[in-house]
N, C-alpha and C. Protein backbone atom coordinates (compact mmCIF):
# COMPACT_ATOMS: atom_id res chain seq x y z
N UNK A 1 100.39 -162.19 72.37
CA UNK A 1 99.07 -161.87 72.97
C UNK A 1 98.01 -161.72 72.29
N UNK A 2 96.59 -162.23 72.29
CA UNK A 2 95.71 -162.55 71.55
C UNK A 2 94.60 -161.16 72.44
N UNK A 3 94.58 -159.90 71.18
CA UNK A 3 93.95 -159.36 71.72
C UNK A 3 92.49 -159.10 70.67
N UNK A 4 91.22 -158.47 71.78
CA UNK A 4 90.23 -158.46 70.51
C UNK A 4 89.86 -156.82 69.89
N UNK A 5 90.31 -156.63 69.01
CA UNK A 5 90.30 -155.14 68.29
C UNK A 5 89.08 -155.01 67.58
N UNK A 6 88.09 -155.86 67.81
CA UNK A 6 87.49 -155.66 66.53
C UNK A 6 86.70 -154.17 66.67
N UNK A 7 86.04 -154.01 68.04
CA UNK A 7 85.72 -152.12 68.59
C UNK A 7 86.97 -151.71 69.26
N UNK A 8 87.37 -150.76 68.79
CA UNK A 8 88.55 -150.16 69.64
C UNK A 8 88.05 -148.50 69.69
N UNK A 9 87.61 -148.42 71.23
CA UNK A 9 86.88 -146.98 71.88
C UNK A 9 88.18 -146.06 72.06
N UNK A 10 88.17 -144.78 71.27
CA UNK A 10 89.38 -143.61 71.91
C UNK A 10 88.33 -142.77 72.76
N UNK A 11 88.45 -142.27 73.72
CA UNK A 11 87.95 -141.80 74.85
C UNK A 11 88.19 -140.22 73.87
N UNK A 12 87.20 -139.28 74.69
CA UNK A 12 87.26 -137.88 74.78
C UNK A 12 86.88 -137.70 75.82
N UNK A 13 87.33 -135.80 76.00
CA UNK A 13 86.68 -135.73 77.57
C UNK A 13 87.52 -136.29 78.68
N UNK A 14 86.88 -135.42 79.85
CA UNK A 14 87.59 -135.67 81.28
C UNK A 14 86.69 -135.78 81.98
N UNK A 15 85.47 -135.99 82.16
CA UNK A 15 84.19 -136.15 83.00
C UNK A 15 84.08 -137.48 83.30
N UNK A 16 82.76 -137.27 84.29
CA UNK A 16 81.86 -138.48 84.30
C UNK A 16 81.18 -139.51 83.08
N UNK A 17 81.11 -138.71 82.56
CA UNK A 17 80.52 -138.90 81.17
C UNK A 17 81.44 -139.89 80.12
N UNK A 18 82.58 -139.13 79.93
CA UNK A 18 83.87 -139.90 79.52
C UNK A 18 83.52 -141.89 80.41
N UNK A 19 83.62 -141.40 81.36
CA UNK A 19 84.05 -143.05 82.17
C UNK A 19 82.87 -143.63 81.91
N UNK A 20 81.45 -143.16 81.51
CA UNK A 20 80.20 -143.67 81.53
C UNK A 20 80.38 -144.32 80.39
N UNK A 21 80.93 -143.47 79.03
CA UNK A 21 80.73 -144.02 77.76
C UNK A 21 81.20 -145.46 77.97
N UNK A 22 82.71 -145.21 78.42
CA UNK A 22 83.95 -146.28 78.06
C UNK A 22 83.31 -147.52 78.67
N UNK A 23 82.89 -147.35 79.70
CA UNK A 23 82.03 -148.82 80.26
C UNK A 23 80.88 -149.48 79.96
N UNK A 24 80.15 -148.18 79.09
CA UNK A 24 79.10 -148.95 78.50
C UNK A 24 79.72 -149.46 77.11
N UNK A 25 80.56 -148.98 76.34
CA UNK A 25 81.28 -149.77 75.14
C UNK A 25 81.81 -150.81 75.49
N UNK A 26 82.61 -151.07 76.84
CA UNK A 26 82.71 -152.47 77.20
C UNK A 26 81.54 -153.33 77.42
N UNK A 27 80.68 -152.69 77.91
CA UNK A 27 79.40 -153.79 78.31
C UNK A 27 79.07 -154.12 76.57
N UNK A 28 79.20 -153.39 75.85
CA UNK A 28 78.64 -153.97 74.13
C UNK A 28 79.58 -154.41 73.68
N UNK A 29 80.71 -155.08 73.79
CA UNK A 29 81.90 -155.77 73.32
C UNK A 29 82.92 -155.32 72.99
N UNK A 30 83.29 -154.05 73.45
CA UNK A 30 84.42 -153.10 72.73
C UNK A 30 85.18 -153.89 73.88
N UNK A 31 86.23 -154.41 72.63
CA UNK A 31 87.80 -155.22 73.31
C UNK A 31 89.00 -154.64 74.10
N UNK A 32 89.06 -153.27 73.63
CA UNK A 32 89.91 -152.48 73.38
C UNK A 32 89.22 -150.95 74.18
N UNK A 33 89.73 -150.42 75.01
CA UNK A 33 89.32 -148.79 75.23
C UNK A 33 90.70 -148.28 75.26
N UNK A 34 90.99 -147.33 74.56
CA UNK A 34 92.10 -146.12 74.84
C UNK A 34 91.64 -144.70 75.53
N UNK A 35 92.63 -144.44 76.42
CA UNK A 35 92.45 -143.24 77.43
C UNK A 35 93.02 -142.08 76.62
N UNK A 36 92.16 -140.90 76.06
CA UNK A 36 93.09 -139.99 75.29
C UNK A 36 92.57 -138.56 76.03
N UNK A 37 93.34 -138.21 76.28
CA UNK A 37 92.86 -136.22 77.02
C UNK A 37 94.04 -135.69 76.66
N UNK A 38 94.08 -134.99 75.54
CA UNK A 38 95.38 -134.47 74.86
C UNK A 38 95.51 -133.32 76.22
N UNK A 39 94.70 -132.51 76.34
CA UNK A 39 94.54 -130.94 77.50
C UNK A 39 94.83 -131.32 78.61
N UNK A 40 94.65 -132.64 79.42
CA UNK A 40 94.25 -133.11 80.61
C UNK A 40 96.30 -132.90 81.34
N UNK A 41 96.07 -132.52 82.70
CA UNK A 41 97.23 -132.64 83.04
C UNK A 41 97.47 -133.78 83.53
N UNK A 42 98.71 -134.28 83.92
CA UNK A 42 99.42 -135.47 83.97
C UNK A 42 98.48 -136.01 85.35
N UNK A 43 98.35 -135.18 86.60
CA UNK A 43 97.61 -135.88 87.82
C UNK A 43 96.19 -136.24 87.26
N UNK A 44 95.48 -135.19 86.17
CA UNK A 44 94.41 -135.38 85.66
C UNK A 44 94.25 -137.05 84.72
N UNK A 45 94.92 -137.00 84.11
CA UNK A 45 94.95 -137.93 82.87
C UNK A 45 95.22 -139.78 83.73
N UNK A 46 96.12 -139.60 84.87
CA UNK A 46 96.33 -140.62 85.96
C UNK A 46 95.27 -140.89 86.25
N UNK A 47 93.89 -140.20 86.93
CA UNK A 47 93.00 -140.31 87.35
C UNK A 47 92.10 -140.81 86.63
N UNK A 48 92.08 -139.98 85.62
CA UNK A 48 91.30 -140.58 84.37
C UNK A 48 91.32 -142.14 83.96
N UNK A 49 92.76 -142.09 83.67
CA UNK A 49 93.06 -143.41 83.33
C UNK A 49 92.48 -144.48 84.39
N UNK A 50 92.45 -144.40 85.80
CA UNK A 50 92.12 -145.07 86.60
C UNK A 50 90.76 -145.60 86.86
N UNK A 51 90.09 -144.51 86.31
CA UNK A 51 88.50 -143.95 87.01
C UNK A 51 88.18 -144.98 85.92
N UNK A 52 88.46 -144.72 84.33
CA UNK A 52 88.15 -145.48 83.36
C UNK A 52 87.94 -146.67 83.43
N UNK A 53 89.42 -147.33 83.76
CA UNK A 53 90.03 -148.48 83.80
C UNK A 53 89.16 -149.58 85.04
N UNK A 54 88.82 -148.72 85.91
CA UNK A 54 88.11 -149.33 87.27
C UNK A 54 86.73 -149.61 86.67
N UNK A 55 86.05 -148.87 85.86
CA UNK A 55 84.82 -148.87 85.56
C UNK A 55 84.56 -149.85 84.28
N UNK A 56 85.53 -149.86 83.62
CA UNK A 56 85.33 -151.04 82.24
C UNK A 56 85.58 -152.37 82.90
N UNK A 57 86.54 -152.40 84.39
CA UNK A 57 86.93 -153.77 84.25
C UNK A 57 85.44 -154.20 85.10
N UNK A 58 85.28 -153.43 85.60
CA UNK A 58 83.80 -153.69 86.34
C UNK A 58 82.68 -154.34 85.17
N UNK A 59 82.38 -153.53 84.21
CA UNK A 59 81.85 -154.00 83.24
C UNK A 59 82.28 -155.20 82.28
N UNK A 60 83.10 -155.07 81.98
CA UNK A 60 84.00 -156.56 81.15
C UNK A 60 85.19 -156.64 81.12
N UNK A 61 85.74 -157.37 82.93
CA UNK A 61 86.93 -157.90 82.77
C UNK A 61 87.82 -158.46 81.48
N UNK A 62 87.41 -158.51 80.84
CA UNK A 62 88.12 -159.12 79.28
C UNK A 62 88.53 -158.09 78.30
N UNK A 63 88.21 -156.68 78.56
CA UNK A 63 88.12 -155.17 77.88
C UNK A 63 89.68 -154.77 78.62
N UNK A 64 90.53 -154.42 77.54
CA UNK A 64 91.88 -153.63 77.32
C UNK A 64 91.86 -152.67 77.70
N UNK A 65 92.57 -152.03 78.70
CA UNK A 65 92.42 -150.26 78.83
C UNK A 65 94.01 -149.78 78.19
N UNK A 66 94.38 -149.11 77.80
CA UNK A 66 95.69 -148.79 77.33
C UNK A 66 95.24 -146.89 77.42
N UNK A 67 96.82 -146.18 78.00
CA UNK A 67 96.83 -144.97 77.88
C UNK A 67 97.28 -144.09 76.38
N UNK A 68 96.93 -143.31 75.93
CA UNK A 68 97.73 -142.54 75.10
C UNK A 68 98.80 -141.99 74.97
N UNK A 69 99.71 -142.49 74.33
CA UNK A 69 101.13 -141.59 74.13
C UNK A 69 101.89 -141.72 75.63
N UNK A 70 101.05 -141.65 76.66
CA UNK A 70 101.85 -141.40 77.99
C UNK A 70 102.21 -142.87 78.72
N UNK A 71 103.46 -142.73 78.61
CA UNK A 71 103.90 -144.64 79.00
C UNK A 71 104.11 -143.95 80.49
N UNK A 72 104.56 -142.64 81.03
CA UNK A 72 105.07 -142.53 82.30
C UNK A 72 102.99 -143.01 83.13
N UNK A 73 102.06 -142.49 82.78
CA UNK A 73 100.85 -142.35 83.40
C UNK A 73 100.42 -143.74 83.36
N UNK A 74 100.56 -144.42 82.17
CA UNK A 74 100.54 -146.05 82.22
C UNK A 74 101.22 -146.59 83.20
N UNK A 75 102.58 -146.56 83.20
CA UNK A 75 103.26 -146.96 84.15
C UNK A 75 102.86 -146.71 85.98
N UNK A 76 102.50 -145.61 86.28
CA UNK A 76 101.71 -145.60 87.48
C UNK A 76 100.61 -146.32 87.24
N UNK A 77 99.39 -145.79 86.86
CA UNK A 77 98.44 -146.47 87.25
C UNK A 77 98.19 -148.14 87.28
N UNK A 78 99.58 -148.62 86.53
CA UNK A 78 99.70 -150.33 86.44
C UNK A 78 100.72 -150.44 88.15
N UNK A 79 101.31 -149.26 88.80
CA UNK A 79 102.38 -149.68 89.91
C UNK A 79 100.95 -149.76 90.85
N UNK A 80 99.83 -148.98 90.86
CA UNK A 80 98.89 -148.34 91.96
C UNK A 80 97.86 -149.73 91.67
N UNK A 81 98.38 -150.60 91.18
CA UNK A 81 97.53 -152.36 90.64
C UNK A 81 95.85 -151.90 89.67
N UNK A 82 95.99 -150.94 89.00
CA UNK A 82 95.12 -150.66 88.41
C UNK A 82 94.94 -151.19 87.28
N UNK A 83 94.07 -151.65 86.81
CA UNK A 83 93.62 -152.38 85.23
C UNK A 83 93.94 -151.80 84.25
N UNK A 84 94.97 -151.02 84.42
CA UNK A 84 95.65 -150.37 82.93
C UNK A 84 96.81 -151.20 82.09
N UNK A 85 96.44 -151.87 80.82
CA UNK A 85 97.34 -152.39 80.40
C UNK A 85 98.12 -152.53 79.42
N UNK A 86 98.37 -151.08 79.15
CA UNK A 86 99.76 -150.42 78.42
C UNK A 86 99.33 -148.93 78.03
N UNK A 87 100.02 -148.65 76.81
CA UNK A 87 100.16 -147.77 75.73
C UNK A 87 99.98 -147.71 74.64
N UNK A 88 99.32 -146.71 73.73
CA UNK A 88 99.25 -146.57 72.46
C UNK A 88 100.04 -145.30 72.31
N UNK A 89 101.07 -145.85 71.54
CA UNK A 89 102.51 -144.24 71.00
C UNK A 89 102.12 -143.78 69.79
N UNK A 90 102.14 -142.49 69.51
CA UNK A 90 102.45 -141.87 68.02
C UNK A 90 103.91 -141.91 68.05
N UNK A 91 104.44 -141.28 66.54
CA UNK A 91 105.22 -141.49 66.20
C UNK A 91 106.55 -140.38 66.80
N UNK A 92 106.18 -139.42 67.81
CA UNK A 92 106.64 -138.54 68.51
C UNK A 92 107.04 -138.99 70.10
N UNK A 93 106.53 -139.93 70.33
CA UNK A 93 106.40 -140.55 71.71
C UNK A 93 107.73 -141.22 72.02
N UNK A 94 107.71 -141.54 73.32
CA UNK A 94 109.02 -142.82 73.85
C UNK A 94 108.79 -143.75 72.69
N UNK A 95 110.20 -144.15 71.91
CA UNK A 95 110.43 -144.85 71.34
C UNK A 95 109.91 -146.31 72.06
N UNK A 96 109.33 -147.46 71.32
CA UNK A 96 108.86 -148.78 71.08
C UNK A 96 109.89 -149.40 72.39
N UNK A 97 111.34 -149.76 71.88
CA UNK A 97 111.65 -150.24 72.95
C UNK A 97 111.83 -149.93 74.25
N UNK A 98 112.03 -148.41 74.44
CA UNK A 98 112.15 -147.97 76.02
C UNK A 98 110.82 -147.98 76.88
N UNK A 99 109.71 -147.99 75.81
CA UNK A 99 108.06 -147.85 76.23
C UNK A 99 108.16 -149.73 76.95
N UNK A 100 108.60 -150.95 75.88
CA UNK A 100 108.85 -151.81 76.84
C UNK A 100 109.70 -152.19 77.87
N UNK A 101 110.28 -151.76 77.57
CA UNK A 101 111.29 -152.05 78.47
C UNK A 101 110.95 -151.16 79.82
N UNK A 102 110.20 -150.12 80.11
CA UNK A 102 109.60 -149.37 81.11
C UNK A 102 108.43 -150.46 81.52
N UNK A 103 107.43 -151.03 80.75
CA UNK A 103 105.96 -151.37 80.84
C UNK A 103 106.10 -152.81 81.02
N UNK A 104 107.15 -153.27 80.87
CA UNK A 104 107.62 -154.82 80.69
C UNK A 104 106.49 -155.86 79.79
N UNK A 105 107.23 -156.97 79.55
CA UNK A 105 106.71 -157.79 78.37
C UNK A 105 105.61 -158.06 78.81
N UNK A 106 104.32 -158.07 79.88
CA UNK A 106 103.24 -158.28 79.83
C UNK A 106 102.26 -157.43 79.01
N UNK A 107 102.75 -155.66 79.05
CA UNK A 107 102.21 -154.60 78.97
C UNK A 107 101.86 -154.83 77.19
N UNK A 108 100.44 -153.99 76.80
CA UNK A 108 100.24 -154.13 75.43
C UNK A 108 100.86 -152.65 75.20
N UNK A 109 101.55 -152.78 73.81
CA UNK A 109 101.88 -151.82 73.11
C UNK A 109 101.64 -151.46 71.59
N UNK A 110 101.01 -150.24 71.34
CA UNK A 110 100.32 -150.26 69.93
C UNK A 110 100.61 -148.86 69.45
N UNK A 111 101.04 -148.60 68.16
CA UNK A 111 101.60 -147.56 67.59
C UNK A 111 101.07 -146.82 66.24
N UNK A 112 100.79 -145.63 66.57
CA UNK A 112 100.01 -145.24 65.06
C UNK A 112 101.09 -145.04 64.20
N UNK A 113 100.07 -145.39 62.89
CA UNK A 113 101.21 -145.64 61.66
C UNK A 113 99.80 -144.72 60.37
N UNK A 114 99.94 -145.22 59.22
CA UNK A 114 99.08 -144.47 58.33
C UNK A 114 99.81 -144.52 57.12
N UNK A 115 100.94 -144.70 56.74
CA UNK A 115 101.62 -144.94 55.56
C UNK A 115 102.16 -145.87 55.29
N UNK A 116 102.92 -146.02 54.19
CA UNK A 116 104.03 -147.46 53.83
C UNK A 116 104.84 -147.46 55.03
N UNK A 117 105.50 -146.78 54.84
CA UNK A 117 106.81 -146.10 55.70
C UNK A 117 106.91 -146.21 57.18
N UNK A 118 105.84 -145.61 57.61
CA UNK A 118 105.47 -146.38 59.06
C UNK A 118 105.10 -147.23 59.54
N UNK A 119 104.60 -147.82 58.38
CA UNK A 119 104.11 -149.16 58.65
C UNK A 119 105.29 -150.29 58.70
N UNK A 120 105.93 -150.01 57.24
CA UNK A 120 107.19 -150.99 57.64
C UNK A 120 108.14 -151.11 58.42
N UNK A 121 108.16 -149.24 58.82
CA UNK A 121 108.85 -149.00 60.37
C UNK A 121 108.64 -150.03 61.75
N UNK A 122 106.97 -149.90 61.63
CA UNK A 122 106.57 -150.83 62.51
C UNK A 122 106.92 -152.06 62.73
N UNK A 123 106.87 -152.58 61.69
CA UNK A 123 106.67 -154.08 61.31
C UNK A 123 107.98 -154.56 61.72
N UNK A 124 109.27 -154.01 61.65
CA UNK A 124 110.75 -153.95 61.73
C UNK A 124 110.56 -154.33 63.21
N UNK A 125 109.33 -153.59 64.58
CA UNK A 125 109.72 -153.90 65.61
C UNK A 125 107.98 -155.15 66.27
N UNK A 126 107.78 -155.44 64.92
CA UNK A 126 107.18 -156.52 65.53
C UNK A 126 107.05 -157.17 66.76
N UNK A 127 108.23 -157.64 66.95
CA UNK A 127 108.26 -158.51 68.02
C UNK A 127 108.16 -157.54 69.62
N UNK A 128 108.17 -156.66 69.60
CA UNK A 128 107.90 -155.56 70.33
C UNK A 128 106.31 -155.04 70.57
N UNK A 129 105.65 -155.00 69.36
CA UNK A 129 104.34 -154.16 69.12
C UNK A 129 103.42 -155.23 69.58
N UNK A 130 102.06 -154.98 69.73
CA UNK A 130 101.34 -155.77 69.85
C UNK A 130 99.63 -155.26 68.79
N UNK A 131 99.65 -153.97 68.14
CA UNK A 131 98.86 -153.95 66.91
C UNK A 131 100.13 -152.29 66.73
N UNK A 132 98.62 -151.93 65.30
CA UNK A 132 99.32 -150.74 64.87
C UNK A 132 97.93 -150.44 64.49
N UNK A 133 97.79 -148.67 64.86
CA UNK A 133 96.44 -148.06 64.47
C UNK A 133 97.05 -147.44 63.37
N UNK A 134 96.12 -147.37 62.08
CA UNK A 134 96.49 -147.13 61.05
C UNK A 134 95.58 -146.00 60.54
N UNK A 135 95.53 -144.93 59.64
CA UNK A 135 94.71 -143.71 59.56
C UNK A 135 95.28 -142.31 59.17
N UNK A 136 94.42 -141.70 58.65
CA UNK A 136 93.09 -141.54 58.59
C UNK A 136 92.61 -142.21 57.62
N UNK A 137 91.26 -143.02 58.19
CA UNK A 137 90.71 -144.05 57.17
C UNK A 137 89.87 -142.41 56.17
N UNK A 138 89.55 -141.76 56.99
CA UNK A 138 88.74 -140.17 56.15
C UNK A 138 89.49 -139.22 57.02
N UNK A 139 88.74 -137.54 56.32
CA UNK A 139 89.47 -136.60 57.63
C UNK A 139 88.54 -136.81 58.05
N UNK A 140 89.39 -135.95 59.41
CA UNK A 140 87.82 -136.00 60.41
C UNK A 140 88.79 -135.09 61.74
N UNK A 141 87.86 -134.15 62.04
CA UNK A 141 88.05 -133.06 63.15
C UNK A 141 88.74 -133.52 64.57
N UNK A 142 88.92 -134.68 64.57
CA UNK A 142 89.61 -135.30 66.07
C UNK A 142 91.00 -135.04 65.97
N UNK A 143 91.51 -135.15 65.07
CA UNK A 143 93.18 -135.27 65.06
C UNK A 143 93.19 -134.87 63.21
N UNK A 144 93.99 -133.72 63.36
CA UNK A 144 94.85 -133.72 61.86
C UNK A 144 96.64 -134.33 62.03
N UNK A 145 95.98 -135.59 60.81
CA UNK A 145 97.38 -136.21 61.01
C UNK A 145 98.43 -135.64 60.22
N UNK A 146 97.91 -134.84 59.11
CA UNK A 146 98.70 -134.58 58.03
C UNK A 146 99.16 -135.71 56.94
N UNK A 147 98.39 -137.02 57.07
CA UNK A 147 98.86 -137.73 55.90
C UNK A 147 97.61 -138.09 55.57
N UNK A 148 97.17 -138.65 53.99
CA UNK A 148 96.56 -138.76 53.24
C UNK A 148 95.62 -139.70 53.92
N UNK A 149 93.94 -139.65 53.53
CA UNK A 149 93.45 -140.69 54.10
C UNK A 149 93.21 -141.93 53.28
N UNK A 150 93.21 -143.25 53.96
CA UNK A 150 93.15 -144.64 53.12
C UNK A 150 92.52 -145.05 52.35
N UNK A 151 91.32 -144.64 52.94
CA UNK A 151 89.68 -145.51 52.39
C UNK A 151 90.16 -146.84 52.45
N UNK A 152 89.25 -147.49 51.85
CA UNK A 152 89.57 -149.39 52.03
C UNK A 152 90.48 -149.69 51.58
N UNK A 153 90.91 -149.06 50.23
CA UNK A 153 91.88 -149.80 49.45
C UNK A 153 93.31 -150.09 49.99
N UNK A 154 93.42 -148.39 50.64
CA UNK A 154 94.65 -147.80 51.25
C UNK A 154 95.04 -148.96 52.75
N UNK A 155 93.73 -149.06 53.54
CA UNK A 155 93.74 -149.82 54.71
C UNK A 155 93.98 -151.39 54.22
N UNK A 156 93.60 -151.96 53.06
CA UNK A 156 93.79 -153.53 52.95
C UNK A 156 95.30 -153.36 52.14
N UNK A 157 95.92 -152.31 51.92
CA UNK A 157 97.52 -152.39 51.36
C UNK A 157 98.16 -152.21 52.36
N UNK A 158 98.00 -151.51 53.94
CA UNK A 158 98.76 -151.59 54.49
C UNK A 158 98.80 -152.89 55.39
N UNK A 159 97.48 -153.71 55.49
CA UNK A 159 97.58 -154.87 56.24
C UNK A 159 97.87 -155.98 55.49
N UNK A 160 98.61 -155.48 54.39
CA UNK A 160 99.28 -156.32 53.25
C UNK A 160 101.35 -156.14 54.02
N UNK A 161 101.20 -155.58 54.67
CA UNK A 161 102.51 -155.07 54.62
C UNK A 161 103.43 -155.51 55.85
N UNK A 162 102.50 -156.04 57.01
CA UNK A 162 102.84 -156.33 58.52
C UNK A 162 101.96 -157.55 58.73
N UNK A 163 102.62 -158.05 59.66
CA UNK A 163 102.58 -159.40 60.76
C UNK A 163 101.17 -158.70 61.84
N UNK A 164 101.41 -157.42 62.22
CA UNK A 164 101.01 -157.21 63.01
C UNK A 164 99.33 -156.62 62.69
N UNK A 165 98.67 -157.02 64.00
CA UNK A 165 96.95 -156.69 63.79
C UNK A 165 97.03 -155.01 63.27
N UNK A 166 96.22 -154.70 62.29
CA UNK A 166 95.87 -153.48 61.93
C UNK A 166 94.61 -153.13 62.51
N UNK A 167 94.75 -151.51 62.94
CA UNK A 167 93.22 -151.20 63.39
C UNK A 167 92.92 -150.20 62.64
N UNK A 168 91.61 -149.97 62.30
CA UNK A 168 91.83 -148.58 61.35
C UNK A 168 90.98 -147.24 62.22
N UNK A 169 91.15 -146.37 61.58
CA UNK A 169 91.03 -145.00 62.53
C UNK A 169 90.32 -143.84 61.39
N UNK A 170 89.90 -143.22 62.30
CA UNK A 170 89.89 -141.86 61.27
C UNK A 170 88.51 -141.65 60.66
N UNK A 171 87.30 -140.87 61.37
CA UNK A 171 86.39 -140.26 61.08
C UNK A 171 85.26 -141.54 60.75
N UNK A 172 85.15 -142.65 61.24
CA UNK A 172 84.65 -143.95 61.19
C UNK A 172 83.48 -143.95 62.00
N UNK A 173 81.99 -144.65 61.30
CA UNK A 173 80.93 -145.04 62.02
C UNK A 173 80.61 -146.48 62.08
N UNK A 174 79.96 -146.57 62.88
CA UNK A 174 79.38 -148.54 62.75
C UNK A 174 79.28 -148.59 61.54
N UNK A 175 79.01 -147.58 60.36
CA UNK A 175 78.05 -148.07 59.36
C UNK A 175 79.22 -148.65 58.47
N UNK A 176 80.57 -148.22 58.67
CA UNK A 176 81.52 -148.60 57.75
C UNK A 176 81.98 -149.84 58.29
N UNK A 177 81.83 -150.74 59.83
CA UNK A 177 82.42 -151.97 59.50
C UNK A 177 82.08 -152.75 58.59
N UNK A 178 81.01 -152.83 58.54
CA UNK A 178 80.48 -154.36 57.48
C UNK A 178 81.93 -154.01 56.19
N UNK A 179 81.61 -152.85 55.45
CA UNK A 179 83.32 -153.19 54.55
C UNK A 179 84.19 -153.23 54.79
N UNK A 180 84.84 -152.30 55.74
CA UNK A 180 85.91 -152.58 56.80
C UNK A 180 86.66 -153.62 57.11
N UNK A 181 85.87 -154.67 57.36
CA UNK A 181 85.95 -155.98 57.76
C UNK A 181 86.21 -156.84 56.88
N UNK A 182 85.93 -156.31 55.51
CA UNK A 182 85.99 -157.20 54.29
C UNK A 182 87.84 -156.89 53.89
N UNK A 183 88.52 -155.96 54.96
CA UNK A 183 89.93 -155.39 53.96
C UNK A 183 90.81 -155.86 54.94
N UNK A 184 90.69 -156.87 55.96
CA UNK A 184 91.68 -157.50 56.40
C UNK A 184 92.43 -157.31 57.87
N UNK A 185 91.63 -155.34 58.24
CA UNK A 185 92.05 -155.12 58.83
C UNK A 185 91.15 -156.17 60.32
N UNK A 186 92.07 -155.87 61.46
CA UNK A 186 91.75 -156.27 62.93
C UNK A 186 90.70 -155.96 63.70
N UNK A 187 90.01 -154.69 63.59
CA UNK A 187 89.06 -153.65 63.65
C UNK A 187 89.18 -152.58 63.41
N UNK A 188 88.36 -151.56 64.11
CA UNK A 188 88.25 -150.10 63.71
C UNK A 188 88.15 -149.23 64.85
N UNK A 189 89.11 -148.45 65.23
CA UNK A 189 88.91 -147.55 66.32
C UNK A 189 87.99 -146.51 66.22
N UNK A 190 87.02 -145.87 66.87
CA UNK A 190 86.64 -145.03 67.18
C UNK A 190 85.82 -143.92 68.24
N UNK A 191 86.05 -142.67 67.88
CA UNK A 191 85.79 -141.90 68.54
C UNK A 191 84.47 -141.31 69.05
N UNK A 192 84.12 -140.38 68.04
CA UNK A 192 82.50 -139.63 68.38
C UNK A 192 81.67 -140.76 68.23
N UNK A 193 81.67 -141.77 67.31
CA UNK A 193 80.58 -142.80 66.91
C UNK A 193 80.16 -143.54 68.33
N UNK A 194 80.97 -143.12 69.22
CA UNK A 194 80.69 -144.09 70.69
C UNK A 194 80.54 -142.81 71.68
N UNK A 195 81.29 -142.09 71.42
CA UNK A 195 81.45 -141.21 72.69
C UNK A 195 80.15 -139.59 72.59
N UNK A 196 79.86 -139.86 71.61
CA UNK A 196 78.55 -138.97 71.08
C UNK A 196 77.29 -139.65 71.26
N UNK A 197 77.20 -141.21 71.11
CA UNK A 197 75.79 -141.69 71.35
C UNK A 197 74.98 -142.05 72.36
N UNK A 198 73.67 -141.81 72.09
CA UNK A 198 72.69 -141.60 73.02
C UNK A 198 73.18 -143.07 73.40
N UNK A 199 73.57 -144.47 72.95
CA UNK A 199 73.68 -145.76 73.58
C UNK A 199 75.02 -146.31 73.36
N UNK A 200 76.03 -146.12 73.94
CA UNK A 200 77.64 -146.57 73.58
C UNK A 200 77.40 -148.16 73.28
N UNK A 201 76.53 -148.57 74.25
CA UNK A 201 76.12 -150.35 74.53
C UNK A 201 76.16 -150.73 72.92
N UNK A 202 74.90 -150.06 72.57
CA UNK A 202 74.74 -150.56 70.96
C UNK A 202 75.70 -150.37 69.69
N UNK A 203 76.19 -149.55 69.91
CA UNK A 203 76.98 -148.92 69.04
C UNK A 203 77.90 -150.15 68.82
N UNK A 204 78.59 -150.47 70.35
CA UNK A 204 79.67 -151.72 70.08
C UNK A 204 79.27 -152.29 69.62
N UNK A 205 78.09 -153.08 69.99
CA UNK A 205 77.88 -154.43 69.79
C UNK A 205 77.70 -154.43 68.42
N UNK A 206 77.10 -153.52 67.73
CA UNK A 206 76.92 -153.42 65.93
C UNK A 206 78.21 -153.42 65.18
N UNK A 207 79.37 -152.57 65.83
CA UNK A 207 80.72 -153.00 65.24
C UNK A 207 81.28 -154.24 65.89
N UNK A 208 81.13 -154.98 66.68
CA UNK A 208 81.15 -155.99 67.11
C UNK A 208 80.91 -157.07 66.29
N UNK A 209 79.74 -157.22 66.18
CA UNK A 209 78.99 -158.25 65.07
C UNK A 209 79.47 -158.31 63.76
N UNK A 210 79.49 -156.74 62.90
CA UNK A 210 79.67 -156.69 61.67
C UNK A 210 81.15 -157.59 61.52
N UNK A 211 82.13 -157.39 62.68
CA UNK A 211 83.75 -157.89 62.61
C UNK A 211 83.67 -159.85 63.08
N UNK A 212 82.45 -159.78 63.63
CA UNK A 212 82.16 -161.54 63.88
C UNK A 212 81.84 -162.13 62.50
N UNK A 213 80.84 -161.55 61.87
CA UNK A 213 80.43 -162.07 60.51
C UNK A 213 81.15 -162.32 59.51
N UNK A 214 81.93 -161.11 59.82
CA UNK A 214 83.30 -161.67 58.41
C UNK A 214 84.06 -162.41 58.46
N UNK A 215 84.03 -163.06 60.16
CA UNK A 215 85.04 -163.63 60.60
C UNK A 215 84.72 -165.58 60.53
N UNK A 216 83.02 -165.40 60.92
CA UNK A 216 82.16 -166.44 60.40
C UNK A 216 82.17 -166.65 59.21
N UNK A 217 82.43 -165.84 57.90
CA UNK A 217 82.25 -166.53 57.10
C UNK A 217 82.94 -167.79 56.23
N UNK A 218 82.98 -168.54 55.37
CA UNK A 218 83.76 -169.48 55.19
C UNK A 218 85.19 -168.83 54.59
N UNK A 219 86.41 -169.90 55.35
CA UNK A 219 87.72 -169.75 55.09
C UNK A 219 88.42 -168.10 56.05
N UNK A 220 87.39 -167.86 57.02
CA UNK A 220 87.72 -166.73 57.39
C UNK A 220 88.24 -167.17 59.18
N UNK A 221 88.55 -166.72 60.13
CA UNK A 221 89.27 -166.48 61.28
C UNK A 221 88.12 -166.58 61.65
N UNK A 222 88.15 -167.37 63.02
CA UNK A 222 87.06 -167.20 64.12
C UNK A 222 87.75 -166.21 65.37
N UNK A 223 86.55 -165.03 65.49
CA UNK A 223 86.87 -164.14 66.53
C UNK A 223 88.02 -164.97 67.71
N UNK A 224 89.31 -163.37 67.64
CA UNK A 224 90.03 -163.62 68.61
C UNK A 224 90.04 -163.56 69.67
């Protein structure tokens, strides 16, 4: 499956602003939107995922939407016929083979990593996964993973350990995109950089442009 992971938005909040920011990011070229609302009830998360998916699809049909952690919510949204494309799993979530069995071969399944051990474990499941997230790039108040920050060198090392596309995450801003684009990662995930922006669409465009420039350089691959 070919995914555009250059600009990957992880949402925050549960209100109308969340839906609007996700749609704006998609309009700016974000290829992936992950709906994350750790404190929402299951019905609230389902309704949010559906609202985000509908708004994102209207803004840019090519953008893919996944649900954080909750395979059941992703399944329910897909059963409703909503444009929710899969799930992003953490290390403590439903095992990847079971998620794949529930969601089907056409679903997108990503997984959080950030250490050599977790990347190597994900690589053993490369036929069931579509991409991995690797972080934190730097310390972030959004999520305390307990893992050491990777930085540019650490991110590049993890890319070398897997055939799966790698998405960097953790305290990133659009200003980090040009340097990150040289490490071999497929893209970068952001939360506050877009969710807190006055113009989410412009931030998404800036990130996409940085990775597009890298891929347009001699000897590099064209955008997927």
